[in-house]
C-alpha atoms as a PDB file:
ATOM      1  CA  MET A   1     114.935  33.764  21.292  1.00  0.00           C
ATOM      2  CA  THR A   2     115.511  36.338  18.491  1.00  0.00           C
ATOM      3  CA  GLN A   3     116.181  33.252  15.914  1.00  0.00           C
ATOM      4  CA  MET A   4     112.878  31.772  17.405  1.00  0.00           C
ATOM      5  CA  THR A   5     110.880  34.686  16.739  1.00  0.00           C
ATOM      6  CA  ALA A   6     112.241  35.436  13.408  1.00  0.00           C
ATOM      7  CA  SER A   7     111.459  31.780  12.141  1.00  0.00           C
ATOM      8  CA  PHE A   8     108.062  32.048  13.639  1.00  0.00           C
ATOM      9  CA  LYS A   9     107.591  35.262  11.717  1.00  0.00           C
ATOM     10  CA  ALA A  10     108.623  33.767   8.646  1.00  0.00           C
ATOM     11  CA  LEU A  11     106.337  30.590   9.096  1.00  0.00           C
ATOM     12  CA  LEU A  12     103.365  33.057   9.607  1.00  0.00           C
ATOM     13  CA  MET A  13     104.309  34.913   6.408  1.00  0.00           C
ATOM     14  CA  ALA A  14     104.696  31.767   4.130  1.00  0.00           C
ATOM     15  CA  ALA A  15     101.174  30.729   5.664  1.00  0.00           C
ATOM     16  CA  ALA A  16      99.630  33.953   4.673  1.00  0.00           C
ATOM     17  CA  LEU A  17     100.874  34.022   1.326  1.00  0.00           C
ATOM     18  CA  THR A  18      99.672  30.364   0.803  1.00  0.00           C
ATOM     19  CA  LEU A  19      96.335  30.489   2.255  1.00  0.00           C
ATOM     20  CA  PRO A  20      94.838  32.642  -0.365  1.00  0.00           C
ATOM     21  CA  GLY A  21      95.989  30.261  -2.883  1.00  0.00           C
ATOM     22  CA  LEU A  22      94.285  27.286  -1.331  1.00  0.00           C
ATOM     23  CA  ALA A  23      91.181  29.370  -0.472  1.00  0.00           C
ATOM     24  CA  MET A  24      91.069  29.591  -4.322  1.00  0.00           C
ATOM     25  CA  ALA A  25      91.563  26.308  -4.986  1.00  0.00           C
ATOM     26  CA  ALA A  26      87.864  25.323  -4.524  1.00  0.00           C
ATOM     27  CA  GLU A  27      86.152  25.867  -7.962  1.00  0.00           C
ATOM     28  CA  PRO A  28      82.308  27.230  -7.627  1.00  0.00           C
ATOM     29  CA  ALA A  29      80.924  24.339  -9.184  1.00  0.00           C
ATOM     30  CA  MET A  30      81.998  20.621 -10.744  1.00  0.00           C
ATOM     31  CA  MET A  31      80.910  18.306 -13.090  1.00  0.00           C
ATOM     32  CA  LYS A  32      78.968  15.484 -11.995  1.00  0.00           C
ATOM     33  CA  ASP A  33      77.216  13.096 -14.439  1.00  0.00           C
ATOM     34  CA  GLY A  34      78.286  14.899 -17.388  1.00  0.00           C
ATOM     35  CA  MET A  35      76.856  18.333 -16.197  1.00  0.00           C
ATOM     36  CA  MET A  36      77.844  21.150 -13.922  1.00  0.00           C
ATOM     37  CA  VAL A  37      76.551  21.610 -10.579  1.00  0.00           C
ATOM     38  CA  ASP A  38      76.938  23.780  -7.571  1.00  0.00           C
ATOM     39  CA  HIS A  39      77.997  22.698  -4.354  1.00  0.00           C
ATOM     40  CA  ASN A  40      74.490  21.835  -3.510  1.00  0.00           C
ATOM     41  CA  GLY A  41      74.482  19.462  -6.467  1.00  0.00           C
ATOM     42  CA  MET A  42      72.054  21.622  -8.327  1.00  0.00           C
ATOM     43  CA  THR A  43      72.182  21.814 -12.021  1.00  0.00           C
ATOM     44  CA  LEU A  44      73.625  24.935 -13.597  1.00  0.00           C
ATOM     45  CA  TYR A  45      72.383  26.507 -16.729  1.00  0.00           C
ATOM     46  CA  THR A  46      73.441  28.771 -19.607  1.00  0.00           C
ATOM     47  CA  PHE A  47      71.282  31.661 -21.555  1.00  0.00           C
ATOM     48  CA  ASP A  48      71.515  31.865 -25.035  1.00  0.00           C
ATOM     49  CA  LYS A  49      70.939  35.659 -24.910  1.00  0.00           C
ATOM     50  CA  ASP A  50      74.079  36.115 -22.586  1.00  0.00           C
ATOM     51  CA  SER A  51      76.818  37.343 -24.911  1.00  0.00           C
ATOM     52  CA  GLY A  52      80.482  39.000 -24.471  1.00  0.00           C
ATOM     53  CA  GLY A  53      80.843  37.742 -20.907  1.00  0.00           C
ATOM     54  CA  LYS A  54      77.541  39.582 -19.974  1.00  0.00           C
ATOM     55  CA  SER A  55      74.522  38.325 -18.197  1.00  0.00           C
ATOM     56  CA  MET A  56      71.132  39.640 -19.771  1.00  0.00           C
ATOM     57  CA  CYS A  57      69.128  37.729 -17.033  1.00  0.00           C
ATOM     58  CA  ASN A  58      68.210  40.278 -14.684  1.00  0.00           C
ATOM     59  CA  GLY A  59      65.186  41.552 -12.729  1.00  0.00           C
ATOM     60  CA  ASP A  60      62.076  38.893 -12.683  1.00  0.00           C
ATOM     61  CA  CYS A  61      64.420  36.513 -15.071  1.00  0.00           C
ATOM     62  CA  ALA A  62      66.982  36.524 -12.472  1.00  0.00           C
ATOM     63  CA  LYS A  63      64.196  35.449  -9.724  1.00  0.00           C
ATOM     64  CA  ASN A  64      63.375  32.173 -11.809  1.00  0.00           C
ATOM     65  CA  TRP A  65      67.091  31.761 -12.833  1.00  0.00           C
ATOM     66  CA  PRO A  66      69.150  32.622  -9.905  1.00  0.00           C
ATOM     67  CA  PRO A  67      72.872  33.415 -11.003  1.00  0.00           C
ATOM     68  CA  LEU A  68      75.626  31.685  -9.353  1.00  0.00           C
ATOM     69  CA  MET A  69      76.767  34.380  -7.468  1.00  0.00           C
ATOM     70  CA  ALA A  70      80.533  35.177  -6.662  1.00  0.00           C
ATOM     71  CA  PRO A  71      81.520  36.249  -3.225  1.00  0.00           C
ATOM     72  CA  ALA A  72      83.609  39.677  -3.036  1.00  0.00           C
ATOM     73  CA  GLY A  73      87.014  39.385  -3.853  1.00  0.00           C
ATOM     74  CA  ALA A  74      86.564  36.320  -6.142  1.00  0.00           C
ATOM     75  CA  LYS A  75      89.175  36.003  -8.913  1.00  0.00           C
ATOM     76  CA  ALA A  76      89.131  34.652 -12.284  1.00  0.00           C
ATOM     77  CA  GLU A  77      90.998  31.184 -12.310  1.00  0.00           C
ATOM     78  CA  GLY A  78      91.689  28.746 -15.497  1.00  0.00           C
ATOM     79  CA  LYS A  79      88.227  28.895 -17.101  1.00  0.00           C
ATOM     80  CA  TRP A  80      86.326  30.580 -14.347  1.00  0.00           C
ATOM     81  CA  THR A  81      85.662  34.212 -14.671  1.00  0.00           C
ATOM     82  CA  VAL A  82      83.973  36.764 -12.542  1.00  0.00           C
ATOM     83  CA  ILE A  83      81.427  39.094 -14.189  1.00  0.00           C
ATOM     84  CA  LYS A  84      79.686  42.308 -12.845  1.00  0.00           C
ATOM     85  CA  ARG A  85      75.853  42.103 -13.074  1.00  0.00           C
ATOM     86  CA  ASP A  86      73.673  45.063 -13.952  1.00  0.00           C
ATOM     87  CA  ASP A  87      72.953  45.190 -10.182  1.00  0.00           C
ATOM     88  CA  GLY A  88      76.443  45.538  -9.181  1.00  0.00           C
ATOM     89  CA  MET A  89      76.690  41.979  -7.706  1.00  0.00           C
ATOM     90  CA  MET A  90      79.393  39.784  -9.042  1.00  0.00           C
ATOM     91  CA  GLN A  91      78.400  36.332 -10.925  1.00  0.00           C
ATOM     92  CA  TYR A  92      80.655  33.247 -12.030  1.00  0.00           C
ATOM     93  CA  ALA A  93      81.048  32.283 -15.459  1.00  0.00           C
ATOM     94  CA  TYR A  94      82.567  29.412 -17.080  1.00  0.00           C
ATOM     95  CA  ASP A  95      84.234  29.696 -20.360  1.00  0.00           C
ATOM     96  CA  GLY A  96      82.658  33.080 -20.818  1.00  0.00           C
ATOM     97  CA  LYS A  97      79.074  31.757 -20.312  1.00  0.00           C
ATOM     98  CA  PRO A  98      77.441  32.981 -16.836  1.00  0.00           C
ATOM     99  CA  LEU A  99      75.957  30.280 -14.930  1.00  0.00           C
ATOM    100  CA  TYR A 100      72.304  29.998 -13.300  1.00  0.00           C
ATOM    101  CA  THR A 101      70.358  27.686 -11.461  1.00  0.00           C
ATOM    102  CA  PHE A 102      66.522  27.268 -11.745  1.00  0.00           C
ATOM    103  CA  VAL A 103      64.133  27.791  -9.155  1.00  0.00           C
ATOM    104  CA  LYS A 104      61.854  24.989 -10.201  1.00  0.00           C
ATOM    105  CA  ASP A 105      64.787  22.317  -9.913  1.00  0.00           C
ATOM    106  CA  ALA A 106      63.605  20.874  -6.499  1.00  0.00           C
ATOM    107  CA  LYS A 107      66.547  18.530  -5.589  1.00  0.00           C
ATOM    108  CA  PRO A 108      69.971  17.785  -6.885  1.00  0.00           C
ATOM    109  CA  GLY A 109      70.072  16.178 -10.534  1.00  0.00           C
ATOM    110  CA  ASP A 110      66.982  17.942 -11.245  1.00  0.00           C
ATOM    111  CA  MET A 111      67.188  19.542 -14.972  1.00  0.00           C
ATOM    112  CA  THR A 112      63.744  20.891 -15.331  1.00  0.00           C
ATOM    113  CA  GLY A 113      64.973  24.102 -17.113  1.00  0.00           C
ATOM    114  CA  ASP A 114      66.981  22.290 -19.828  1.00  0.00           C
ATOM    115  CA  LYS A 115      65.949  23.542 -23.172  1.00  0.00           C
ATOM    116  CA  MET A 116      63.478  25.877 -21.471  1.00  0.00           C
ATOM    117  CA  LYS A 117      62.312  28.333 -24.370  1.00  0.00           C
ATOM    118  CA  ASP A 118      64.897  26.883 -26.579  1.00  0.00           C
ATOM    119  CA  VAL A 119      67.529  29.378 -24.795  1.00  0.00           C
ATOM    120  CA  TRP A 120      68.338  27.756 -21.352  1.00  0.00           C
ATOM    121  CA  HIS A 121      70.717  24.859 -21.613  1.00  0.00           C
ATOM    122  CA  VAL A 122      72.263  22.585 -18.921  1.00  0.00           C
ATOM    123  CA  MET A 123      76.261  23.388 -18.701  1.00  0.00           C
ATOM    124  CA  ARG A 124      77.624  20.137 -19.855  1.00  0.00           C
ATOM    125  CA  GLU A 125      81.111  18.584 -20.047  1.00  0.00           C
ATOM    126  CA  HIS A 126      82.569  19.463 -23.272  1.00  0.00           C
ATOM    127  CA  LYS A 127      83.948  16.568 -24.789  1.00  0.00           C
END
């Protein structure tokens, strides 16, 4: 019985160490048809005024351009980073660029915010 208990504990420990890695395997967004979309299929955008991995879109801007929020405990992985916003919330950035959706995009695949005021751009696949 003791050997079985020890084996069971070892299995639980292995699972506990593996599960956080599995949880991080799902990226916050994906490429679809050459552009980045969130898990709901909504287009993701970058903002030219963001710099140094910091979001400059706060207040009313963030109401129109909702940030791609990161859950508590989210970690950087590959080109994905997590930045702290002015309101203290966490936001995902890809390749140093904070990501946003646009409130006027009504359905997956809409890109109505692309080139808005020449500072908003669809996050596209780099080739």
